[in-house]
C-alpha atoms as a PDB file:
ATOM      1  CA  MET A   1      93.379 110.745 110.649  1.00  0.00           C
ATOM      2  CA  ALA A   2      82.088 105.966 106.892  1.00  0.00           C
ATOM      3  CA  GLY A   3      78.983 106.956 105.524  1.00  0.00           C
ATOM      4  CA  ALA A   4      77.100 104.299 107.253  1.00  0.00           C
ATOM      5  CA  SER A   5      78.158 106.027 110.386  1.00  0.00           C
ATOM      6  CA  VAL A   6      76.051 109.034 109.919  1.00  0.00           C
ATOM      7  CA  LEU A   7      72.708 108.216 111.605  1.00  0.00           C
ATOM      8  CA  LEU A   8      74.807 106.676 114.833  1.00  0.00           C
ATOM      9  CA  LEU A   9      76.653 110.249 114.712  1.00  0.00           C
ATOM     10  CA  LEU A  10      73.651 112.192 114.807  1.00  0.00           C
ATOM     11  CA  LEU A  11      72.155 110.250 117.337  1.00  0.00           C
ATOM     12  CA  ALA A  12      75.285 110.675 119.496  1.00  0.00           C
ATOM     13  CA  SER A  13      75.104 114.438 118.883  1.00  0.00           C
ATOM     14  CA  LEU A  14      71.773 114.360 120.467  1.00  0.00           C
ATOM     15  CA  GLY A  15      72.655 112.389 123.348  1.00  0.00           C
ATOM     16  CA  VAL A  16      70.510 109.872 122.046  1.00  0.00           C
ATOM     17  CA  GLY A  17      71.739 106.112 122.266  1.00  0.00           C
ATOM     18  CA  ALA A  18      74.814 106.946 124.217  1.00  0.00           C
ATOM     19  CA  PRO A  19      75.247 103.934 127.072  1.00  0.00           C
ATOM     20  CA  ARG A  20      73.958 105.016 130.541  1.00  0.00           C
ATOM     21  CA  GLY A  21      77.343 105.935 132.377  1.00  0.00           C
ATOM     22  CA  ALA A  22      79.149 106.323 129.415  1.00  0.00           C
ATOM     23  CA  ALA A  23      81.237 109.458 131.047  1.00  0.00           C
ATOM     24  CA  GLN A  24      81.727 107.630 134.228  1.00  0.00           C
ATOM     25  CA  ASP A  25      83.278 104.501 132.246  1.00  0.00           C
ATOM     26  CA  ALA A  26      85.612 106.655 130.337  1.00  0.00           C
ATOM     27  CA  LYS A  27      86.618 108.505 133.164  1.00  0.00           C
ATOM     28  CA  ALA A  28      87.325 105.557 135.360  1.00  0.00           C
ATOM     29  CA  ALA A  29      89.620 104.110 132.442  1.00  0.00           C
ATOM     30  CA  VAL A  30      91.535 107.031 132.278  1.00  0.00           C
ATOM     31  CA  GLU A  31      92.062 107.555 136.041  1.00  0.00           C
ATOM     32  CA  ALA A  32      92.870 103.871 136.234  1.00  0.00           C
ATOM     33  CA  PHE A  33      95.636 104.264 133.510  1.00  0.00           C
ATOM     34  CA  VAL A  34      97.184 107.440 135.029  1.00  0.00           C
ATOM     35  CA  ALA A  35      97.268 106.018 138.470  1.00  0.00           C
ATOM     36  CA  ARG A  36      99.340 102.822 136.771  1.00  0.00           C
ATOM     37  CA  LEU A  37     102.005 105.781 135.563  1.00  0.00           C
ATOM     38  CA  SER A  38     101.880 107.724 138.996  1.00  0.00           C
ATOM     39  CA  ASP A  39     105.396 106.311 139.857  1.00  0.00           C
ATOM     40  CA  VAL A  40     106.790 106.735 136.544  1.00  0.00           C
ATOM     41  CA  ASN A  41     109.244 109.690 135.828  1.00  0.00           C
ATOM     42  CA  VAL A  42     110.321 110.187 132.494  1.00  0.00           C
ATOM     43  CA  THR A  43     112.265 113.385 131.623  1.00  0.00           C
ATOM     44  CA  ASP A  44     113.384 112.660 128.057  1.00  0.00           C
ATOM     45  CA  LEU A  45     113.523 110.099 125.100  1.00  0.00           C
ATOM     46  CA  VAL A  46     115.922 109.390 122.512  1.00  0.00           C
ATOM     47  CA  ILE A  47     114.459 107.219 119.696  1.00  0.00           C
ATOM     48  CA  VAL A  48     116.082 105.906 116.542  1.00  0.00           C
ATOM     49  CA  GLN A  49     113.718 104.668 113.832  1.00  0.00           C
ATOM     50  CA  ASP A  50     112.972 103.853 110.323  1.00  0.00           C
ATOM     51  CA  LEU A  51     109.931 105.527 108.398  1.00  0.00           C
ATOM     52  CA  THR A  52     108.415 105.022 105.021  1.00  0.00           C
ATOM     53  CA  LEU A  53     106.148 107.321 103.359  1.00  0.00           C
ATOM     54  CA  TYR A  54     103.279 105.934 101.090  1.00  0.00           C
ATOM     55  CA  GLN A  55     101.808 107.356  97.822  1.00  0.00           C
ATOM     56  CA  PRO A  56      98.437 108.797  98.059  1.00  0.00           C
ATOM     57  CA  ASN A  57      96.615 105.466  97.583  1.00  0.00           C
ATOM     58  CA  GLY A  58      98.271 103.988 100.656  1.00  0.00           C
ATOM     59  CA  ARG A  59      99.559 100.779  98.525  1.00  0.00           C
ATOM     60  CA  HIS A  60     103.131 101.564  97.501  1.00  0.00           C
ATOM     61  CA  ALA A  61     106.065 103.228  99.443  1.00  0.00           C
ATOM     62  CA  GLN A  62     106.894 106.367  97.794  1.00  0.00           C
ATOM     63  CA  SER A  63     110.197 107.160 100.016  1.00  0.00           C
ATOM     64  CA  THR A  64     112.047 105.821 102.985  1.00  0.00           C
ATOM     65  CA  GLY A  65     114.565 107.213 105.587  1.00  0.00           C
ATOM     66  CA  GLU A  66     115.392 107.329 109.104  1.00  0.00           C
ATOM     67  CA  GLN A  67     114.921 109.656 112.006  1.00  0.00           C
ATOM     68  CA  ARG A  68     116.362 110.334 115.563  1.00  0.00           C
ATOM     69  CA  VAL A  69     113.950 112.018 117.539  1.00  0.00           C
ATOM     70  CA  LEU A  70     114.588 113.617 120.904  1.00  0.00           C
ATOM     71  CA  PHE A  71     111.879 114.482 123.292  1.00  0.00           C
ATOM     72  CA  LYS A  72     112.765 116.713 126.733  1.00  0.00           C
ATOM     73  CA  LEU A  73     110.221 118.069 129.000  1.00  0.00           C
ATOM     74  CA  PRO A  74     108.537 120.207 129.059  1.00  0.00           C
ATOM     75  CA  ARG A  75     107.546 120.604 125.315  1.00  0.00           C
ATOM     76  CA  ARG A  76     111.030 120.525 123.440  1.00  0.00           C
ATOM     77  CA  GLN A  77     111.600 118.119 120.602  1.00  0.00           C
ATOM     78  CA  ARG A  78     114.469 117.804 118.028  1.00  0.00           C
ATOM     79  CA  LEU A  79     113.923 115.647 115.195  1.00  0.00           C
ATOM     80  CA  GLU A  80     116.923 114.809 112.774  1.00  0.00           C
ATOM     81  CA  GLN A  81     115.473 113.357 109.674  1.00  0.00           C
ATOM     82  CA  THR A  82     117.326 111.822 106.228  1.00  0.00           C
ATOM     83  CA  VAL A  83     115.009 110.864 103.864  1.00  0.00           C
ATOM     84  CA  GLU A  84     116.384 109.410 100.327  1.00  0.00           C
ATOM     85  CA  GLY A  85     119.734 110.924 101.124  1.00  0.00           C
ATOM     86  CA  GLN A  86     118.074 114.422 102.332  1.00  0.00           C
ATOM     87  CA  ARG A  87     119.018 115.591 105.840  1.00  0.00           C
ATOM     88  CA  GLU A  88     116.545 117.697 107.659  1.00  0.00           C
ATOM     89  CA  VAL A  89     116.642 118.973 111.422  1.00  0.00           C
ATOM     90  CA  ARG A  90     113.449 120.271 112.991  1.00  0.00           C
ATOM     91  CA  LEU A  91     113.516 121.584 116.594  1.00  0.00           C
ATOM     92  CA  ILE A  92     109.723 122.270 118.113  1.00  0.00           C
ATOM     93  CA  VAL A  93     110.179 124.431 121.560  1.00  0.00           C
ATOM     94  CA  GLY A  94     106.915 125.209 123.188  1.00  0.00           C
ATOM     95  CA  ASP A  95     104.617 126.201 120.068  1.00  0.00           C
ATOM     96  CA  ARG A  96     107.719 127.371 117.937  1.00  0.00           C
ATOM     97  CA  VAL A  97     108.724 125.260 115.115  1.00  0.00           C
ATOM     98  CA  PHE A  98     112.390 125.458 113.515  1.00  0.00           C
ATOM     99  CA  VAL A  99     113.671 123.946 110.354  1.00  0.00           C
ATOM    100  CA  ARG A 100     117.079 123.503 109.311  1.00  0.00           C
ATOM    101  CA  GLN A 101     116.936 122.166 105.588  1.00  0.00           C
ATOM    102  CA  PRO A 102     119.328 120.194 103.775  1.00  0.00           C
ATOM    103  CA  ALA A 103     121.297 123.185 102.104  1.00  0.00           C
ATOM    104  CA  GLY A 104     122.251 124.268 105.689  1.00  0.00           C
ATOM    105  CA  LYS A 105     119.149 127.348 105.847  1.00  0.00           C
ATOM    106  CA  VAL A 106     117.361 127.661 109.037  1.00  0.00           C
ATOM    107  CA  TYR A 107     114.244 129.358 109.151  1.00  0.00           C
ATOM    108  CA  GLU A 108     111.223 129.684 111.754  1.00  0.00           C
ATOM    109  CA  ALA A 109     107.924 127.790 110.550  1.00  0.00           C
ATOM    110  CA  PRO A 110     104.284 128.669 111.376  1.00  0.00           C
ATOM    111  CA  ALA A 111     103.656 128.167 115.080  1.00  0.00           C
ATOM    112  CA  LEU A 112     101.894 125.146 116.114  1.00  0.00           C
ATOM    113  CA  PRO A 113      98.509 125.141 117.884  1.00  0.00           C
ATOM    114  CA  ALA A 114      98.909 123.345 121.699  1.00  0.00           C
ATOM    115  CA  GLU A 115      96.070 120.882 120.432  1.00  0.00           C
ATOM    116  CA  SER A 116      98.650 119.385 117.742  1.00  0.00           C
ATOM    117  CA  ASP A 117     101.368 118.207 119.999  1.00  0.00           C
ATOM    118  CA  ARG A 118     100.873 114.623 119.571  1.00  0.00           C
ATOM    119  CA  THR A 119     103.837 114.097 122.134  1.00  0.00           C
ATOM    120  CA  ARG A 120     101.576 113.482 124.789  1.00  0.00           C
ATOM    121  CA  LEU A 121     100.616 110.417 123.209  1.00  0.00           C
ATOM    122  CA  LEU A 122     103.579 108.721 123.697  1.00  0.00           C
ATOM    123  CA  VAL A 123     105.545 110.230 126.343  1.00  0.00           C
ATOM    124  CA  PRO A 124     103.847 110.332 130.201  1.00  0.00           C
ATOM    125  CA  VAL A 125     103.722 113.591 130.996  1.00  0.00           C
ATOM    126  CA  ARG A 126     102.358 114.284 134.501  1.00  0.00           C
ATOM    127  CA  ARG A 127      98.562 115.213 134.385  1.00  0.00           C
ATOM    128  CA  SER A 128      95.432 114.137 135.737  1.00  0.00           C
ATOM    129  CA  ALA A 129      92.641 112.142 134.101  1.00  0.00           C
ATOM    130  CA  ALA A 130      90.525 115.490 133.896  1.00  0.00           C
ATOM    131  CA  ASP A 131      93.336 117.139 132.129  1.00  0.00           C
ATOM    132  CA  LEU A 132      93.701 114.470 129.632  1.00  0.00           C
ATOM    133  CA  LEU A 133      89.975 114.406 129.184  1.00  0.00           C
ATOM    134  CA  ALA A 134      89.991 118.088 128.612  1.00  0.00           C
ATOM    135  CA  GLU A 135      92.948 117.588 125.650  1.00  0.00           C
ATOM    136  CA  TRP A 136      90.940 115.106 124.341  1.00  0.00           C
ATOM    137  CA  ARG A 137      87.865 117.223 124.080  1.00  0.00           C
ATOM    138  CA  ALA A 138      89.381 120.306 122.513  1.00  0.00           C
ATOM    139  CA  LEU A 139      90.258 117.712 119.717  1.00  0.00           C
ATOM    140  CA  GLY A 140      86.549 116.790 119.438  1.00  0.00           C
ATOM    141  CA  VAL A 141      86.547 113.578 121.387  1.00  0.00           C
ATOM    142  CA  ARG A 142      83.241 113.262 123.358  1.00  0.00           C
ATOM    143  CA  ASP A 143      84.034 111.851 127.046  1.00  0.00           C
ATOM    144  CA  ASP A 144      80.367 111.000 127.213  1.00  0.00           C
ATOM    145  CA  VAL A 145      80.498 108.145 124.681  1.00  0.00           C
ATOM    146  CA  SER A 146      82.337 105.037 125.254  1.00  0.00           C
ATOM    147  CA  HIS A 147      82.623 101.324 124.710  1.00  0.00           C
ATOM    148  CA  VAL A 148      84.867  98.422 125.030  1.00  0.00           C
ATOM    149  CA  VAL A 149      86.331  96.177 122.301  1.00  0.00           C
ATOM    150  CA  ARG A 150      89.042  93.714 122.281  1.00  0.00           C
ATOM    151  CA  VAL A 151      92.086  94.059 120.144  1.00  0.00           C
ATOM    152  CA  GLY A 152      94.422  91.619 119.765  1.00  0.00           C
ATOM    153  CA  GLY A 153      92.439  90.021 122.701  1.00  0.00           C
ATOM    154  CA  ARG A 154      93.015  92.973 124.859  1.00  0.00           C
ATOM    155  CA  PRO A 155      90.067  94.835 125.984  1.00  0.00           C
ATOM    156  CA  VAL A 156      90.408  98.508 124.918  1.00  0.00           C
ATOM    157  CA  THR A 157      87.916 101.255 126.116  1.00  0.00           C
ATOM    158  CA  VAL A 158      87.112 103.419 123.073  1.00  0.00           C
ATOM    159  CA  ILE A 159      86.346 106.804 124.202  1.00  0.00           C
ATOM    160  CA  GLY A 160      84.311 109.089 121.663  1.00  0.00           C
ATOM    161  CA  ALA A 161      82.880 106.852 119.453  1.00  0.00           C
ATOM    162  CA  MET A 162      79.941 104.239 119.177  1.00  0.00           C
ATOM    163  CA  PRO A 163      80.151 100.937 117.997  1.00  0.00           C
ATOM    164  CA  GLY A 164      79.894 101.252 114.318  1.00  0.00           C
ATOM    165  CA  ASP A 165      81.770 104.854 114.370  1.00  0.00           C
ATOM    166  CA  ARG A 166      84.741 105.144 111.890  1.00  0.00           C
ATOM    167  CA  ASP A 167      85.271 108.642 111.297  1.00  0.00           C
ATOM    168  CA  VAL A 168      84.607 110.318 114.557  1.00  0.00           C
ATOM    169  CA  PRO A 169      87.304 111.775 117.116  1.00  0.00           C
ATOM    170  CA  ALA A 170      88.155 108.782 119.342  1.00  0.00           C
ATOM    171  CA  VAL A 171      90.604 107.342 122.055  1.00  0.00           C
ATOM    172  CA  TRP A 172      91.459 103.929 122.218  1.00  0.00           C
ATOM    173  CA  LEU A 173      92.447 103.033 125.294  1.00  0.00           C
ATOM    174  CA  ASP A 174      94.379 100.146 126.810  1.00  0.00           C
ATOM    175  CA  ALA A 175      94.717  99.952 130.465  1.00  0.00           C
ATOM    176  CA  GLU A 176      98.428  98.778 130.377  1.00  0.00           C
ATOM    177  CA  TYR A 177      99.726 100.017 127.037  1.00  0.00           C
ATOM    178  CA  GLY A 178      98.077 103.632 127.014  1.00  0.00           C
ATOM    179  CA  VAL A 179      96.867 105.049 123.940  1.00  0.00           C
ATOM    180  CA  VAL A 180      96.593 102.410 120.744  1.00  0.00           C
ATOM    181  CA  ARG A 181      94.755 104.421 118.262  1.00  0.00           C
ATOM    182  CA  PHE A 182      93.910 108.191 117.801  1.00  0.00           C
ATOM    183  CA  VAL A 183      91.072 109.469 115.735  1.00  0.00           C
ATOM    184  CA  THR A 184      90.716 113.147 114.423  1.00  0.00           C
ATOM    185  CA  ARG A 185      89.147 115.463 112.081  1.00  0.00           C
ATOM    186  CA  GLU A 186      91.917 117.203 110.561  1.00  0.00           C
ATOM    187  CA  THR A 187      91.994 120.079 107.881  1.00  0.00           C
ATOM    188  CA  LEU A 188      94.767 119.302 105.369  1.00  0.00           C
ATOM    189  CA  PRO A 189      96.041 121.132 102.315  1.00  0.00           C
ATOM    190  CA  THR A 190      93.373 119.020 100.087  1.00  0.00           C
ATOM    191  CA  GLY A 191      90.678 119.621 102.485  1.00  0.00           C
ATOM    192  CA  PRO A 192      88.868 118.041 105.661  1.00  0.00           C
ATOM    193  CA  ALA A 193      90.008 114.638 106.508  1.00  0.00           C
ATOM    194  CA  THR A 194      90.285 111.966 109.150  1.00  0.00           C
ATOM    195  CA  LEU A 195      93.421 111.190 110.404  1.00  0.00           C
ATOM    196  CA  ASP A 196      94.047 108.193 112.123  1.00  0.00           C
ATOM    197  CA  LEU A 197      97.192 107.212 114.579  1.00  0.00           C
ATOM    198  CA  ALA A 198      97.619 103.380 115.463  1.00  0.00           C
ATOM    199  CA  PHE A 199     100.275 102.326 117.827  1.00  0.00           C
ATOM    200  CA  SER A 200     101.280  98.553 118.493  1.00  0.00           C
ATOM    201  CA  GLU A 201     104.044  96.374 119.299  1.00  0.00           C
ATOM    202  CA  HIS A 202     104.292  97.556 122.858  1.00  0.00           C
ATOM    203  CA  ARG A 203     107.457  97.012 124.894  1.00  0.00           C
ATOM    204  CA  PRO A 204     108.175  97.770 128.523  1.00  0.00           C
ATOM    205  CA  LEU A 205     110.564 100.634 128.940  1.00  0.00           C
ATOM    206  CA  LEU A 206     110.269 101.628 132.834  1.00  0.00           C
ATOM    207  CA  GLY A 207     107.562 100.441 135.565  1.00  0.00           C
ATOM    208  CA  GLY A 208     104.530 100.805 134.147  1.00  0.00           C
ATOM    209  CA  PHE A 209     105.424 102.640 130.657  1.00  0.00           C
ATOM    210  CA  PHE A 210     105.301 100.616 127.547  1.00  0.00           C
ATOM    211  CA  PHE A 211     106.359 102.110 124.099  1.00  0.00           C
ATOM    212  CA  PRO A 212     105.008 101.560 120.712  1.00  0.00           C
ATOM    213  CA  TYR A 213     107.591 100.283 118.349  1.00  0.00           C
ATOM    214  CA  ARG A 214     105.238 100.368 115.205  1.00  0.00           C
ATOM    215  CA  GLN A 215     103.333 103.569 114.450  1.00  0.00           C
ATOM    216  CA  GLU A 216     101.234 104.189 111.553  1.00  0.00           C
ATOM    217  CA  ALA A 217      98.937 107.005 110.122  1.00  0.00           C
ATOM    218  CA  PHE A 218      96.136 106.892 107.766  1.00  0.00           C
ATOM    219  CA  VAL A 219      94.424 109.416 105.918  1.00  0.00           C
ATOM    220  CA  ASN A 220      90.735 108.766 104.967  1.00  0.00           C
ATOM    221  CA  SER A 221      91.696 105.038 105.682  1.00  0.00           C
ATOM    222  CA  LYS A 222      94.715 105.176 103.442  1.00  0.00           C
ATOM    223  CA  LEU A 223      98.189 104.369 104.830  1.00  0.00           C
ATOM    224  CA  LEU A 224     100.280 107.639 104.543  1.00  0.00           C
ATOM    225  CA  LEU A 225     103.312 106.775 106.854  1.00  0.00           C
ATOM    226  CA  ARG A 226     104.876 103.701 109.128  1.00  0.00           C
ATOM    227  CA  ILE A 227     107.489 104.144 111.524  1.00  0.00           C
ATOM    228  CA  THR A 228     109.462 101.128 112.514  1.00  0.00           C
ATOM    229  CA  VAL A 229     111.191 102.030 116.108  1.00  0.00           C
ATOM    230  CA  ARG A 230     114.896 100.531 116.147  1.00  0.00           C
ATOM    231  CA  SER A 231     115.745 101.568 119.993  1.00  0.00           C
ATOM    232  CA  VAL A 232     114.796 103.783 122.590  1.00  0.00           C
ATOM    233  CA  ARG A 233     116.613 105.257 125.742  1.00  0.00           C
ATOM    234  CA  LEU A 234     115.052 107.419 128.320  1.00  0.00           C
ATOM    235  CA  ASN A 235     116.436 109.871 130.896  1.00  0.00           C
ATOM    236  CA  THR A 236     119.823 110.416 129.377  1.00  0.00           C
ATOM    237  CA  ASN A 237     119.627 114.136 129.506  1.00  0.00           C
ATOM    238  CA  PRO A 238     120.646 115.108 126.269  1.00  0.00           C
ATOM    239  CA  PRO A 239     122.274 118.730 126.259  1.00  0.00           C
ATOM    240  CA  ASP A 240     119.808 121.764 126.209  1.00  0.00           C
ATOM    241  CA  ALA A 241     121.930 123.044 123.069  1.00  0.00           C
ATOM    242  CA  LEU A 242     120.289 120.424 120.940  1.00  0.00           C
ATOM    243  CA  PHE A 243     117.069 122.156 121.239  1.00  0.00           C
ATOM    244  CA  ASP A 244     118.258 125.570 121.107  1.00  0.00           C
ATOM    245  CA  PRO A 245     117.520 127.317 117.466  1.00  0.00           C
ATOM    246  CA  ASP A 246     120.250 129.721 117.762  1.00  0.00           C
ATOM    247  CA  ALA A 247     122.678 126.770 118.103  1.00  0.00           C
ATOM    248  CA  LEU A 248     121.042 125.200 115.290  1.00  0.00           C
ATOM    249  CA  ARG A 249     122.198 127.788 113.175  1.00  0.00           C
ATOM    250  CA  ARG A 250     125.675 127.434 113.948  1.00  0.00           C
ATOM    251  CA  GLU A 251     125.878 123.708 113.158  1.00  0.00           C
ATOM    252  CA  PRO A 252     128.184 122.758 110.596  1.00  0.00           C
END
């Protein structure tokens, strides 16, 4: 979530310079990763993590806090967040968003578009390689452009970008860890921006499922948010009431 890449981006948009077989390479990489997770069954996650929000220049911390995040498939999420002593609870049920403010008032926020759901980057929802590629294409990622780089000594397939591209939508896919970087173009209150999500410090949880214990978000190359995971529990079946907007309104 640069200027030297304009010519490469123009050539890519015209289909010039794209490596032959790039689409097949991207598809093969995604198919291999999906196959690794075919026997992994994750129904829910409970994550406890620390977060640091940074000033717009990305150099200095602005505020800190902690979060407890609950994912329950399909498409239910509860975020309990305390930042600088202020507690907020946010529910996402499908594309609906409900927020409980520190004072206790609950309101429904504007609906989220389906493509904004980043849960799928972290939780191995069962779907085909074709489904994944279609989701990424909807976010502007070209699956007919790809190349392989090494990150921390590991081979990573970059889907959607050519060597040297820095601000075009792209997915960086590690064959074992999954998505380790996700770059999109977003419209923020301040205007169009490049959003870059980076996932690292992966640890095994179940079968072939690894979870990133460090997550960072950059806007126009400036650090906006850093998350450090303290613990992850999976398949604990948290009560459905935790994801019920009416129950949220009744909470003390």
